[in-house]
PDB file of N, CA and C in Angstrom:
ATOM      1  N   MET A   1     104.051 164.071 155.789  1.00  0.00           N
ATOM      2  CA  MET A   1     105.457 164.201 155.851  1.00  0.00           C
ATOM      3  C   MET A   1     106.095 163.275 156.882  1.00  0.00           C
ATOM      4  N   LYS A   2     105.400 163.084 157.882  1.00  0.00           N
ATOM      5  CA  LYS A   2     105.899 162.210 158.920  1.00  0.00           C
ATOM      6  C   LYS A   2     106.100 160.793 158.371  1.00  0.00           C
ATOM      7  N   LYS A   3     105.181 160.417 157.506  1.00  0.00           N
ATOM      8  CA  LYS A   3     105.311 159.097 156.911  1.00  0.00           C
ATOM      9  C   LYS A   3     106.601 159.019 156.088  1.00  0.00           C
ATOM     10  N   ARG A   4     106.804 160.055 155.390  1.00  0.00           N
ATOM     11  CA  ARG A   4     107.982 160.109 154.550  1.00  0.00           C
ATOM     12  C   ARG A   4     109.260 160.095 155.413  1.00  0.00           C
ATOM     13  N   GLU A   5     109.280 160.851 156.437  1.00  0.00           N
ATOM     14  CA  GLU A   5     110.428 160.898 157.331  1.00  0.00           C
ATOM     15  C   GLU A   5     110.655 159.538 157.980  1.00  0.00           C
ATOM     16  N   LYS A   6     109.530 158.933 158.328  1.00  0.00           N
ATOM     17  CA  LYS A   6     109.612 157.622 158.945  1.00  0.00           C
ATOM     18  C   LYS A   6     110.190 156.613 157.953  1.00  0.00           C
ATOM     19  N   LYS A   7     109.699 156.685 156.705  1.00  0.00           N
ATOM     20  CA  LYS A   7     110.208 155.801 155.654  1.00  0.00           C
ATOM     21  C   LYS A   7     111.690 156.061 155.413  1.00  0.00           C
ATOM     22  N   GLN A   8     112.036 157.329 155.390  1.00  0.00           N
ATOM     23  CA  GLN A   8     113.424 157.716 155.176  1.00  0.00           C
ATOM     24  C   GLN A   8     114.293 157.181 156.308  1.00  0.00           C
ATOM     25  N   LYS A   9     113.773 157.306 157.524  1.00  0.00           N
ATOM     26  CA  LYS A   9     114.514 156.829 158.681  1.00  0.00           C
ATOM     27  C   LYS A   9     114.676 155.317 158.604  1.00  0.00           C
ATOM     28  N   THR A  10     113.607 154.625 158.215  1.00  0.00           N
ATOM     29  CA  THR A  10     113.655 153.167 158.079  1.00  0.00           C
ATOM     30  C   THR A  10     114.652 152.787 156.988  1.00  0.00           C
ATOM     31  N   LEU A  11     114.577 153.508 155.883  1.00  0.00           N
ATOM     32  CA  LEU A  11     115.516 153.243 154.780  1.00  0.00           C
ATOM     33  C   LEU A  11     116.959 153.492 155.220  1.00  0.00           C
ATOM     34  N   ASN A  12     117.160 154.562 155.935  1.00  0.00           N
ATOM     35  CA  ASN A  12     118.502 154.863 156.431  1.00  0.00           C
ATOM     36  C   ASN A  12     119.004 153.756 157.362  1.00  0.00           C
ATOM     37  N   THR A  13     118.102 153.312 158.237  1.00  0.00           N
ATOM     38  CA  THR A  13     118.461 152.239 159.172  1.00  0.00           C
ATOM     39  C   THR A  13     118.807 150.972 158.395  1.00  0.00           C
ATOM     40  N   GLU A  14     117.946 150.643 157.409  1.00  0.00           N
ATOM     41  CA  GLU A  14     118.209 149.451 156.592  1.00  0.00           C
ATOM     42  C   GLU A  14     119.511 149.596 155.804  1.00  0.00           C
ATOM     43  N   MET A  15     119.760 150.777 155.278  1.00  0.00           N
ATOM     44  CA  MET A  15     120.987 151.031 154.531  1.00  0.00           C
ATOM     45  C   MET A  15     122.205 150.887 155.440  1.00  0.00           C
ATOM     46  N   GLU A  16     122.075 151.383 156.668  1.00  0.00           N
ATOM     47  CA  GLU A  16     123.172 151.258 157.625  1.00  0.00           C
ATOM     48  C   GLU A  16     123.423 149.784 157.941  1.00  0.00           C
ATOM     49  N   GLU A  17     122.303 149.048 158.101  1.00  0.00           N
ATOM     50  CA  GLU A  17     122.407 147.615 158.397  1.00  0.00           C
ATOM     51  C   GLU A  17     123.053 146.875 157.219  1.00  0.00           C
ATOM     52  N   ILE A  18     122.624 147.219 156.006  1.00  0.00           N
ATOM     53  CA  ILE A  18     123.192 146.603 154.806  1.00  0.00           C
ATOM     54  C   ILE A  18     124.675 146.965 154.687  1.00  0.00           C
ATOM     55  N   GLU A  19     124.971 148.240 154.952  1.00  0.00           N
ATOM     56  CA  GLU A  19     126.361 148.682 154.883  1.00  0.00           C
ATOM     57  C   GLU A  19     127.205 147.949 155.926  1.00  0.00           C
ATOM     58  N   LYS A  20     126.643 147.758 157.102  1.00  0.00           N
ATOM     59  CA  LYS A  20     127.342 147.039 158.169  1.00  0.00           C
ATOM     60  C   LYS A  20     127.610 145.595 157.742  1.00  0.00           C
ATOM     61  N   ILE A  21     126.570 144.955 157.180  1.00  0.00           N
ATOM     62  CA  ILE A  21     126.721 143.569 156.714  1.00  0.00           C
ATOM     63  C   ILE A  21     127.762 143.491 155.599  1.00  0.00           C
ATOM     64  N   CYS A  22     127.682 144.443 154.660  1.00  0.00           N
ATOM     65  CA  CYS A  22     128.643 144.481 153.546  1.00  0.00           C
ATOM     66  C   CYS A  22     130.063 144.676 154.066  1.00  0.00           C
ATOM     67  N   ASN A  23     130.220 145.589 155.021  1.00  0.00           N
ATOM     68  CA  ASN A  23     131.548 145.829 155.582  1.00  0.00           C
ATOM     69  C   ASN A  23     132.085 144.587 156.281  1.00  0.00           C
ATOM     70  N   GLU A  24     131.200 143.861 156.991  1.00  0.00           N
ATOM     71  CA  GLU A  24     131.615 142.621 157.649  1.00  0.00           C
ATOM     72  C   GLU A  24     132.058 141.588 156.612  1.00  0.00           C
ATOM     73  N   LYS A  25     131.254 141.482 155.538  1.00  0.00           N
ATOM     74  CA  LYS A  25     131.592 140.521 154.488  1.00  0.00           C
ATOM     75  C   LYS A  25     132.886 140.913 153.798  1.00  0.00           C
ATOM     76  N   ILE A  26     133.059 142.214 153.552  1.00  0.00           N
ATOM     77  CA  ILE A  26     134.295 142.693 152.941  1.00  0.00           C
ATOM     78  C   ILE A  26     135.480 142.388 153.860  1.00  0.00           C
ATOM     79  N   GLY A  27     135.287 142.608 155.162  1.00  0.00           N
ATOM     80  CA  GLY A  27     136.344 142.304 156.137  1.00  0.00           C
ATOM     81  C   GLY A  27     136.695 140.826 156.127  1.00  0.00           C
ATOM     82  N   LYS A  28     135.651 139.971 156.094  1.00  0.00           N
ATOM     83  CA  LYS A  28     135.909 138.521 156.048  1.00  0.00           C
ATOM     84  C   LYS A  28     136.644 138.146 154.770  1.00  0.00           C
ATOM     85  N   LEU A  29     136.204 138.715 153.649  1.00  0.00           N
ATOM     86  CA  LEU A  29     136.862 138.429 152.375  1.00  0.00           C
ATOM     87  C   LEU A  29     138.313 138.891 152.392  1.00  0.00           C
ATOM     88  N   GLN A  30     138.553 140.075 152.970  1.00  0.00           N
ATOM     89  CA  GLN A  30     139.925 140.570 153.064  1.00  0.00           C
ATOM     90  C   GLN A  30     140.775 139.654 153.936  1.00  0.00           C
ATOM     91  N   ASN A  31     140.185 139.210 155.076  1.00  0.00           N
ATOM     92  CA  ASN A  31     140.909 138.286 155.954  1.00  0.00           C
ATOM     93  C   ASN A  31     141.229 136.986 155.215  1.00  0.00           C
ATOM     94  N   ASN A  32     140.240 136.490 154.459  1.00  0.00           N
ATOM     95  CA  ASN A  32     140.448 135.262 153.688  1.00  0.00           C
ATOM     96  C   ASN A  32     141.566 135.460 152.661  1.00  0.00           C
ATOM     97  N   CYS A  33     141.564 136.628 152.007  1.00  0.00           N
ATOM     98  CA  CYS A  33     142.608 136.925 151.019  1.00  0.00           C
ATOM     99  C   CYS A  33     143.976 136.982 151.686  1.00  0.00           C
ATOM    100  N   VAL A  34     144.041 137.630 152.848  1.00  0.00           N
ATOM    101  CA  VAL A  34     145.309 137.721 153.566  1.00  0.00           C
ATOM    102  C   VAL A  34     145.775 136.312 153.945  1.00  0.00           C
ATOM    103  N   GLN A  35     144.850 135.483 154.449  1.00  0.00           N
ATOM    104  CA  GLN A  35     145.194 134.106 154.834  1.00  0.00           C
ATOM    105  C   GLN A  35     145.684 133.316 153.619  1.00  0.00           C
ATOM    106  N   LYS A  36     144.974 133.435 152.514  1.00  0.00           N
ATOM    107  CA  LYS A  36     145.370 132.722 151.291  1.00  0.00           C
ATOM    108  C   LYS A  36     146.736 133.206 150.816  1.00  0.00           C
ATOM    109  N   ASP A  37     146.957 134.514 150.894  1.00  0.00           N
ATOM    110  CA  ASP A  37     148.239 135.074 150.492  1.00  0.00           C
ATOM    111  C   ASP A  37     149.359 134.530 151.376  1.00  0.00           C
ATOM    112  N   LEU A  38     149.114 134.477 152.697  1.00  0.00           N
ATOM    113  CA  LEU A  38     150.109 133.926 153.625  1.00  0.00           C
ATOM    114  C   LEU A  38     150.383 132.456 153.313  1.00  0.00           C
ATOM    115  N   GLN A  39     149.311 131.712 153.031  1.00  0.00           N
ATOM    116  CA  GLN A  39     149.476 130.295 152.702  1.00  0.00           C
ATOM    117  C   GLN A  39     150.294 130.129 151.418  1.00  0.00           C
ATOM    118  N   MET A  40     149.998 130.968 150.426  1.00  0.00           N
ATOM    119  CA  MET A  40     150.724 130.887 149.164  1.00  0.00           C
ATOM    120  C   MET A  40     152.201 131.224 149.366  1.00  0.00           C
ATOM    121  N   LYS A  41     152.477 132.256 150.190  1.00  0.00           N
ATOM    122  CA  LYS A  41     153.868 132.619 150.465  1.00  0.00           C
ATOM    123  C   LYS A  41     154.579 131.480 151.191  1.00  0.00           C
ATOM    124  N   GLU A  42     153.875 130.858 152.129  1.00  0.00           N
ATOM    125  CA  GLU A  42     154.443 129.725 152.858  1.00  0.00           C
ATOM    126  C   GLU A  42     154.739 128.575 151.894  1.00  0.00           C
ATOM    127  N   GLU A  43     153.817 128.303 150.989  1.00  0.00           N
ATOM    128  CA  GLU A  43     154.015 127.246 150.000  1.00  0.00           C
ATOM    129  C   GLU A  43     155.183 127.585 149.073  1.00  0.00           C
ATOM    130  N   GLU A  44     155.306 128.854 148.698  1.00  0.00           N
ATOM    131  CA  GLU A  44     156.419 129.283 147.853  1.00  0.00           C
ATOM    132  C   GLU A  44     157.746 129.081 148.576  1.00  0.00           C
ATOM    133  N   LYS A  45     157.779 129.420 149.877  1.00  0.00           N
ATOM    134  CA  LYS A  45     159.001 129.216 150.663  1.00  0.00           C
ATOM    135  C   LYS A  45     159.346 127.729 150.718  1.00  0.00           C
ATOM    136  N   LYS A  46     158.325 126.897 150.971  1.00  0.00           N
ATOM    137  CA  LYS A  46     158.555 125.454 151.013  1.00  0.00           C
ATOM    138  C   LYS A  46     159.088 124.958 149.674  1.00  0.00           C
ATOM    139  N   GLN A  47     158.514 125.453 148.590  1.00  0.00           N
ATOM    140  CA  GLN A  47     158.948 125.059 147.251  1.00  0.00           C
ATOM    141  C   GLN A  47     160.396 125.474 147.000  1.00  0.00           C
ATOM    142  N   GLU A  48     160.747 126.693 147.421  1.00  0.00           N
ATOM    143  CA  GLU A  48     162.125 127.166 147.275  1.00  0.00           C
ATOM    144  C   GLU A  48     163.086 126.284 148.062  1.00  0.00           C
ATOM    145  N   ILE A  49     162.678 125.939 149.290  1.00  0.00           N
ATOM    146  CA  ILE A  49     163.514 125.069 150.132  1.00  0.00           C
ATOM    147  C   ILE A  49     163.686 123.719 149.464  1.00  0.00           C
ATOM    148  N   LEU A  50     162.591 123.161 148.941  1.00  0.00           N
ATOM    149  CA  LEU A  50     162.665 121.867 148.261  1.00  0.00           C
ATOM    150  C   LEU A  50     163.574 121.934 147.038  1.00  0.00           C
ATOM    151  N   GLU A  51     163.459 123.000 146.273  1.00  0.00           N
ATOM    152  CA  GLU A  51     164.302 123.149 145.090  1.00  0.00           C
ATOM    153  C   GLU A  51     165.770 123.244 145.477  1.00  0.00           C
ATOM    154  N   THR A  52     166.056 124.003 146.547  1.00  0.00           N
ATOM    155  CA  THR A  52     167.433 124.121 147.024  1.00  0.00           C
ATOM    156  C   THR A  52     167.949 122.763 147.482  1.00  0.00           C
ATOM    157  N   GLU A  53     167.124 122.037 148.229  1.00  0.00           N
ATOM    158  CA  GLU A  53     167.529 120.714 148.702  1.00  0.00           C
ATOM    159  C   GLU A  53     167.764 119.766 147.528  1.00  0.00           C
ATOM    160  N   MET A  54     166.919 119.848 146.507  1.00  0.00           N
ATOM    161  CA  MET A  54     167.091 119.001 145.328  1.00  0.00           C
ATOM    162  C   MET A  54     168.403 119.331 144.620  1.00  0.00           C
ATOM    163  N   GLU A  55     168.713 120.622 144.489  1.00  0.00           N
ATOM    164  CA  GLU A  55     169.972 121.020 143.866  1.00  0.00           C
ATOM    165  C   GLU A  55     171.158 120.502 144.667  1.00  0.00           C
ATOM    166  N   GLU A  56     171.061 120.613 146.005  1.00  0.00           N
ATOM    167  CA  GLU A  56     172.137 120.119 146.859  1.00  0.00           C
ATOM    168  C   GLU A  56     172.287 118.605 146.722  1.00  0.00           C
ATOM    169  N   MET A  57     171.157 117.892 146.674  1.00  0.00           N
ATOM    170  CA  MET A  57     171.204 116.435 146.516  1.00  0.00           C
ATOM    171  C   MET A  57     171.820 116.051 145.174  1.00  0.00           C
ATOM    172  N   GLU A  58     171.485 116.793 144.128  1.00  0.00           N
ATOM    173  CA  GLU A  58     172.070 116.517 142.816  1.00  0.00           C
ATOM    174  C   GLU A  58     173.580 116.731 142.851  1.00  0.00           C
ATOM    175  N   GLU A  59     174.014 117.788 143.529  1.00  0.00           N
ATOM    176  CA  GLU A  59     175.454 118.065 143.644  1.00  0.00           C
ATOM    177  C   GLU A  59     176.144 116.958 144.437  1.00  0.00           C
ATOM    178  N   ILE A  60     175.501 116.533 145.529  1.00  0.00           N
ATOM    179  CA  ILE A  60     176.056 115.440 146.349  1.00  0.00           C
ATOM    180  C   ILE A  60     176.146 114.166 145.522  1.00  0.00           C
ATOM    181  N   ASN A  61     175.085 113.863 144.764  1.00  0.00           N
ATOM    182  CA  ASN A  61     175.093 112.668 143.918  1.00  0.00           C
ATOM    183  C   ASN A  61     176.197 112.749 142.865  1.00  0.00           C
ATOM    184  N   LYS A  62     176.388 113.919 142.308  1.00  0.00           N
ATOM    185  CA  LYS A  62     177.445 114.106 141.307  1.00  0.00           C
ATOM    186  C   LYS A  62     178.810 113.813 141.933  1.00  0.00           C
ATOM    187  N   ILE A  63     179.042 114.376 143.126  1.00  0.00           N
ATOM    188  CA  ILE A  63     180.313 114.158 143.821  1.00  0.00           C
ATOM    189  C   ILE A  63     180.487 112.675 144.159  1.00  0.00           C
ATOM    190  N   LEU A  64     179.412 112.054 144.653  1.00  0.00           N
ATOM    191  CA  LEU A  64     179.484 110.628 144.990  1.00  0.00           C
ATOM    192  C   LEU A  64     179.789 109.788 143.757  1.00  0.00           C
ATOM    193  N   ASN A  65     179.135 110.092 142.652  1.00  0.00           N
ATOM    194  CA  ASN A  65     179.382 109.339 141.420  1.00  0.00           C
ATOM    195  C   ASN A  65     180.825 109.509 140.942  1.00  0.00           C
ATOM    196  N   GLU A  66     181.351 110.723 141.075  1.00  0.00           N
ATOM    197  CA  GLU A  66     182.748 110.952 140.711  1.00  0.00           C
ATOM    198  C   GLU A  66     183.674 110.131 141.606  1.00  0.00           C
ATOM    199  N   LYS A  67     183.383 110.115 142.914  1.00  0.00           N
ATOM    200  CA  LYS A  67     184.209 109.345 143.856  1.00  0.00           C
ATOM    201  C   LYS A  67     184.125 107.849 143.546  1.00  0.00           C
ATOM    202  N   ILE A  68     182.912 107.383 143.243  1.00  0.00           N
ATOM    203  CA  ILE A  68     182.736 105.962 142.920  1.00  0.00           C
ATOM    204  C   ILE A  68     183.538 105.618 141.670  1.00  0.00           C
ATOM    205  N   GLU A  69     183.461 106.482 140.663  1.00  0.00           N
ATOM    206  CA  GLU A  69     184.208 106.245 139.431  1.00  0.00           C
ATOM    207  C   GLU A  69     185.707 106.237 139.702  1.00  0.00           C
ATOM    208  N   GLU A  70     186.143 107.167 140.540  1.00  0.00           N
ATOM    209  CA  GLU A  70     187.555 107.234 140.908  1.00  0.00           C
ATOM    210  C   GLU A  70     187.992 105.955 141.623  1.00  0.00           C
ATOM    211  N   LEU A  71     187.156 105.495 142.561  1.00  0.00           N
ATOM    212  CA  LEU A  71     187.473 104.259 143.289  1.00  0.00           C
ATOM    213  C   LEU A  71     187.487 103.052 142.352  1.00  0.00           C
ATOM    214  N   GLU A  72     186.535 103.028 141.426  1.00  0.00           N
ATOM    215  CA  GLU A  72     186.500 101.926 140.466  1.00  0.00           C
ATOM    216  C   GLU A  72     187.761 101.929 139.612  1.00  0.00           C
ATOM    217  N   ASN A  73     188.170 103.120 139.169  1.00  0.00           N
ATOM    218  CA  ASN A  73     189.399 103.215 138.377  1.00  0.00           C
ATOM    219  C   ASN A  73     190.606 102.763 139.191  1.00  0.00           C
ATOM    220  N   ASP A  74     190.661 103.183 140.449  1.00  0.00           N
ATOM    221  CA  ASP A  74     191.750 102.753 141.326  1.00  0.00           C
ATOM    222  C   ASP A  74     191.746 101.236 141.476  1.00  0.00           C
ATOM    223  N   TYR A  75     190.550 100.684 141.643  1.00  0.00           N
ATOM    224  CA  TYR A  75     190.428  99.231 141.795  1.00  0.00           C
ATOM    225  C   TYR A  75     190.940  98.515 140.550  1.00  0.00           C
ATOM    226  N   VAL A  76     190.536  99.018 139.389  1.00  0.00           N
ATOM    227  CA  VAL A  76     190.977  98.408 138.131  1.00  0.00           C
ATOM    228  C   VAL A  76     192.496  98.491 138.025  1.00  0.00           C
ATOM    229  N   GLN A  77     193.067  99.652 138.358  1.00  0.00           N
ATOM    230  CA  GLN A  77     194.521  99.812 138.310  1.00  0.00           C
ATOM    231  C   GLN A  77     195.209  98.846 139.277  1.00  0.00           C
ATOM    232  N   LYS A  78     194.690  98.757 140.490  1.00  0.00           N
ATOM    233  CA  LYS A  78     195.280  97.846 141.488  1.00  0.00           C
ATOM    234  C   LYS A  78     195.171  96.403 141.010  1.00  0.00           C
ATOM    235  N   ASP A  79     194.026  96.072 140.427  1.00  0.00           N
ATOM    236  CA  ASP A  79     193.824  94.720 139.917  1.00  0.00           C
ATOM    237  C   ASP A  79     194.826  94.423 138.805  1.00  0.00           C
ATOM    238  N   LEU A  80     195.017  95.379 137.914  1.00  0.00           N
ATOM    239  CA  LEU A  80     195.996  95.197 136.835  1.00  0.00           C
ATOM    240  C   LEU A  80     197.411  95.043 137.402  1.00  0.00           C
ATOM    241  N   GLN A  81     197.735  95.851 138.393  1.00  0.00           N
ATOM    242  CA  GLN A  81     199.058  95.755 139.022  1.00  0.00           C
ATOM    243  C   GLN A  81     199.242  94.391 139.682  1.00  0.00           C
ATOM    244  N   MET A  82     198.190  93.916 140.360  1.00  0.00           N
ATOM    245  CA  MET A  82     198.284  92.611 141.019  1.00  0.00           C
ATOM    246  C   MET A  82     198.470  91.500 139.988  1.00  0.00           C
ATOM    247  N   LYS A  83     197.737  91.580 138.888  1.00  0.00           N
ATOM    248  CA  LYS A  83     197.887  90.566 137.836  1.00  0.00           C
ATOM    249  C   LYS A  83     199.285  90.608 137.247  1.00  0.00           C
ATOM    250  N   GLU A  84     199.791  91.816 137.053  1.00  0.00           N
ATOM    251  CA  GLU A  84     201.155  91.990 136.555  1.00  0.00           C
ATOM    252  C   GLU A  84     202.152  91.363 137.517  1.00  0.00           C
ATOM    253  N   GLU A  85     201.969  91.614 138.806  1.00  0.00           N
ATOM    254  CA  GLU A  85     202.854  91.040 139.824  1.00  0.00           C
ATOM    255  C   GLU A  85     202.741  89.517 139.844  1.00  0.00           C
ATOM    256  N   GLU A  86     201.528  89.018 139.710  1.00  0.00           N
ATOM    257  CA  GLU A  86     201.337  87.559 139.685  1.00  0.00           C
ATOM    258  C   GLU A  86     202.059  86.946 138.481  1.00  0.00           C
ATOM    259  N   LYS A  87     201.956  87.607 137.338  1.00  0.00           N
ATOM    260  CA  LYS A  87     202.650  87.113 136.142  1.00  0.00           C
ATOM    261  C   LYS A  87     204.160  87.112 136.364  1.00  0.00           C
ATOM    262  N   LYS A  88     204.675  88.198 136.933  1.00  0.00           N
ATOM    263  CA  LYS A  88     206.099  88.277 137.218  1.00  0.00           C
ATOM    264  C   LYS A  88     206.516  87.155 138.167  1.00  0.00           C
ATOM    265  N   GLN A  89     205.689  86.912 139.178  1.00  0.00           N
ATOM    266  CA  GLN A  89     205.985  85.864 140.148  1.00  0.00           C
ATOM    267  C   GLN A  89     205.992  84.495 139.465  1.00  0.00           C
ATOM    268  N   GLU A  90     205.017  84.272 138.579  1.00  0.00           N
ATOM    269  CA  GLU A  90     204.971  83.002 137.838  1.00  0.00           C
ATOM    270  C   GLU A  90     206.221  82.838 136.975  1.00  0.00           C
ATOM    271  N   ILE A  91     206.614  83.921 136.300  1.00  0.00           N
ATOM    272  CA  ILE A  91     207.815  83.870 135.455  1.00  0.00           C
ATOM    273  C   ILE A  91     209.041  83.559 136.308  1.00  0.00           C
ATOM    274  N   LEU A  92     209.135  84.228 137.459  1.00  0.00           N
ATOM    275  CA  LEU A  92     210.269  83.969 138.349  1.00  0.00           C
ATOM    276  C   LEU A  92     210.289  82.516 138.827  1.00  0.00           C
ATOM    277  N   GLU A  93     209.131  82.013 139.186  1.00  0.00           N
ATOM    278  CA  GLU A  93     209.060  80.626 139.646  1.00  0.00           C
ATOM    279  C   GLU A  93     209.470  79.670 138.526  1.00  0.00           C
ATOM    280  N   THR A  94     208.986  79.950 137.319  1.00  0.00           N
ATOM    281  CA  THR A  94     209.352  79.109 136.179  1.00  0.00           C
ATOM    282  C   THR A  94     210.858  79.180 135.925  1.00  0.00           C
ATOM    283  N   GLU A  95     211.415  80.374 135.970  1.00  0.00           N
ATOM    284  CA  GLU A  95     212.852  80.538 135.765  1.00  0.00           C
ATOM    285  C   GLU A  95     213.647  79.824 136.859  1.00  0.00           C
ATOM    286  N   MET A  96     213.138  79.883 138.083  1.00  0.00           N
ATOM    287  CA  MET A  96     213.818  79.186 139.188  1.00  0.00           C
ATOM    288  C   MET A  96     213.808  77.674 138.955  1.00  0.00           C
ATOM    289  N   LYS A  97     212.687  77.157 138.520  1.00  0.00           N
ATOM    290  CA  LYS A  97     212.603  75.714 138.229  1.00  0.00           C
ATOM    291  C   LYS A  97     213.561  75.347 137.100  1.00  0.00           C
ATOM    292  N   GLU A  98     213.584  76.180 136.079  1.00  0.00           N
ATOM    293  CA  GLU A  98     214.483  75.920 134.955  1.00  0.00           C
ATOM    294  C   GLU A  98     215.938  75.961 135.415  1.00  0.00           C
ATOM    295  N   MET A  99     216.250  76.947 136.251  1.00  0.00           N
ATOM    296  CA  MET A  99     217.615  77.030 136.776  1.00  0.00           C
ATOM    297  C   MET A  99     217.971  75.804 137.608  1.00  0.00           C
ATOM    298  N   GLU A 100     217.038  75.360 138.406  1.00  0.00           N
ATOM    299  CA  GLU A 100     217.275  74.150 139.203  1.00  0.00           C
ATOM    300  C   GLU A 100     217.524  72.954 138.291  1.00  0.00           C
ATOM    301  N   GLU A 101     216.735  72.884 137.241  1.00  0.00           N
ATOM    302  CA  GLU A 101     216.884  71.774 136.291  1.00  0.00           C
ATOM    303  C   GLU A 101     218.249  71.853 135.589  1.00  0.00           C
ATOM    304  N   ILE A 102     218.608  73.071 135.185  1.00  0.00           N
ATOM    305  CA  ILE A 102     219.911  73.265 134.535  1.00  0.00           C
ATOM    306  C   ILE A 102     221.034  72.911 135.506  1.00  0.00           C
ATOM    307  N   ASN A 103     220.914  73.356 136.746  1.00  0.00           N
ATOM    308  CA  ASN A 103     221.919  73.018 137.765  1.00  0.00           C
ATOM    309  C   ASN A 103     222.019  71.505 137.968  1.00  0.00           C
ATOM    310  N   LYS A 104     220.897  70.863 137.989  1.00  0.00           N
ATOM    311  CA  LYS A 104     220.878  69.411 138.158  1.00  0.00           C
ATOM    312  C   LYS A 104     221.622  68.737 137.000  1.00  0.00           C
ATOM    313  N   ILE A 105     221.295  69.198 135.787  1.00  0.00           N
ATOM    314  CA  ILE A 105     221.959  68.629 134.595  1.00  0.00           C
ATOM    315  C   ILE A 105     223.463  68.914 134.638  1.00  0.00           C
ATOM    316  N   LEU A 106     223.803  70.159 134.985  1.00  0.00           N
ATOM    317  CA  LEU A 106     225.217  70.519 135.069  1.00  0.00           C
ATOM    318  C   LEU A 106     225.944  69.685 136.128  1.00  0.00           C
ATOM    319  N   ASN A 107     225.317  69.498 137.249  1.00  0.00           N
ATOM    320  CA  ASN A 107     225.931  68.690 138.313  1.00  0.00           C
ATOM    321  C   ASN A 107     226.122  67.245 137.849  1.00  0.00           C
ATOM    322  N   GLU A 108     225.151  66.744 137.131  1.00  0.00           N
ATOM    323  CA  GLU A 108     225.276  65.371 136.614  1.00  0.00           C
ATOM    324  C   GLU A 108     226.439  65.290 135.617  1.00  0.00           C
ATOM    325  N   LYS A 109     226.554  66.326 134.764  1.00  0.00           N
ATOM    326  CA  LYS A 109     227.633  66.353 133.780  1.00  0.00           C
ATOM    327  C   LYS A 109     228.986  66.431 134.479  1.00  0.00           C
ATOM    328  N   ILE A 110     229.038  67.289 135.495  1.00  0.00           N
ATOM    329  CA  ILE A 110     230.291  67.440 136.250  1.00  0.00           C
ATOM    330  C   ILE A 110     230.653  66.115 136.891  1.00  0.00           C
ATOM    331  N   GLU A 111     229.695  65.486 137.482  1.00  0.00           N
ATOM    332  CA  GLU A 111     229.951  64.199 138.126  1.00  0.00           C
ATOM    333  C   GLU A 111     230.396  63.165 137.094  1.00  0.00           C
ATOM    334  N   GLU A 112     229.748  63.185 135.966  1.00  0.00           N
ATOM    335  CA  GLU A 112     230.097  62.258 134.890  1.00  0.00           C
ATOM    336  C   GLU A 112     231.531  62.508 134.402  1.00  0.00           C
ATOM    337  N   LEU A 113     231.843  63.801 134.222  1.00  0.00           N
ATOM    338  CA  LEU A 113     233.184  64.153 133.794  1.00  0.00           C
ATOM    339  C   LEU A 113     234.229  63.779 134.852  1.00  0.00           C
ATOM    340  N   GLU A 114     233.897  63.987 136.084  1.00  0.00           N
ATOM    341  CA  GLU A 114     234.809  63.612 137.162  1.00  0.00           C
ATOM    342  C   GLU A 114     235.055  62.097 137.155  1.00  0.00           C
ATOM    343  N   ASN A 115     233.964  61.390 136.944  1.00  0.00           N
ATOM    344  CA  ASN A 115     234.067  59.919 136.900  1.00  0.00           C
ATOM    345  C   ASN A 115     234.928  59.505 135.719  1.00  0.00           C
ATOM    346  N   ASP A 116     234.748  60.178 134.624  1.00  0.00           N
ATOM    347  CA  ASP A 116     235.545  59.861 133.430  1.00  0.00           C
ATOM    348  C   ASP A 116     237.030  60.137 133.720  1.00  0.00           C
ATOM    349  N   CYS A 117     237.253  61.263 134.362  1.00  0.00           N
ATOM    350  CA  CYS A 117     238.639  61.628 134.700  1.00  0.00           C
ATOM    351  C   CYS A 117     239.250  60.606 135.644  1.00  0.00           C
ATOM    352  N   VAL A 118     238.535  60.171 136.588  1.00  0.00           N
ATOM    353  CA  VAL A 118     239.006  59.179 137.556  1.00  0.00           C
ATOM    354  C   VAL A 118     239.284  57.879 136.811  1.00  0.00           C
ATOM    355  N   GLN A 119     238.416  57.534 135.922  1.00  0.00           N
ATOM    356  CA  GLN A 119     238.609  56.291 135.134  1.00  0.00           C
ATOM    357  C   GLN A 119     239.840  56.385 134.264  1.00  0.00           C
ATOM    358  N   LYS A 120     240.058  57.523 133.704  1.00  0.00           N
ATOM    359  CA  LYS A 120     241.214  57.714 132.845  1.00  0.00           C
ATOM    360  C   LYS A 120     242.500  57.684 133.675  1.00  0.00           C
ATOM    361  N   ASP A 121     242.421  58.220 134.844  1.00  0.00           N
ATOM    362  CA  ASP A 121     243.582  58.241 135.728  1.00  0.00           C
ATOM    363  C   ASP A 121     243.967  56.809 136.121  1.00  0.00           C
ATOM    364  N   LEU A 122     242.972  56.014 136.256  1.00  0.00           N
ATOM    365  CA  LEU A 122     243.228  54.660 136.698  1.00  0.00           C
ATOM    366  C   LEU A 122     243.761  53.896 135.516  1.00  0.00           C
TER     367      LEU A 122
END
């Protein structure tokens, strides 16, 4: 019986040792799972932040593109107005030259008529 008790005691000791080793391994595995879970949550937070930043950048780009389009339209309008003003200025200059020419002709006619009148008087 003593042999049996001794064997039982040895088996119990070995079982306790195995249980201790198993518990340590289970603890390590649990710690690893907790660490992996924390890492995954951290990665998820980073991903959420990146997605939010991307959405904000898209909104900023949309606003910038709208502003650029608005500025381009303003530029085109200003350019058209300037061309219109240049055309008006050219027309005015041409009309001024024509008026000067007409005045010159009229003055020559007046002078000619005056000369004719003077000749007739004489």
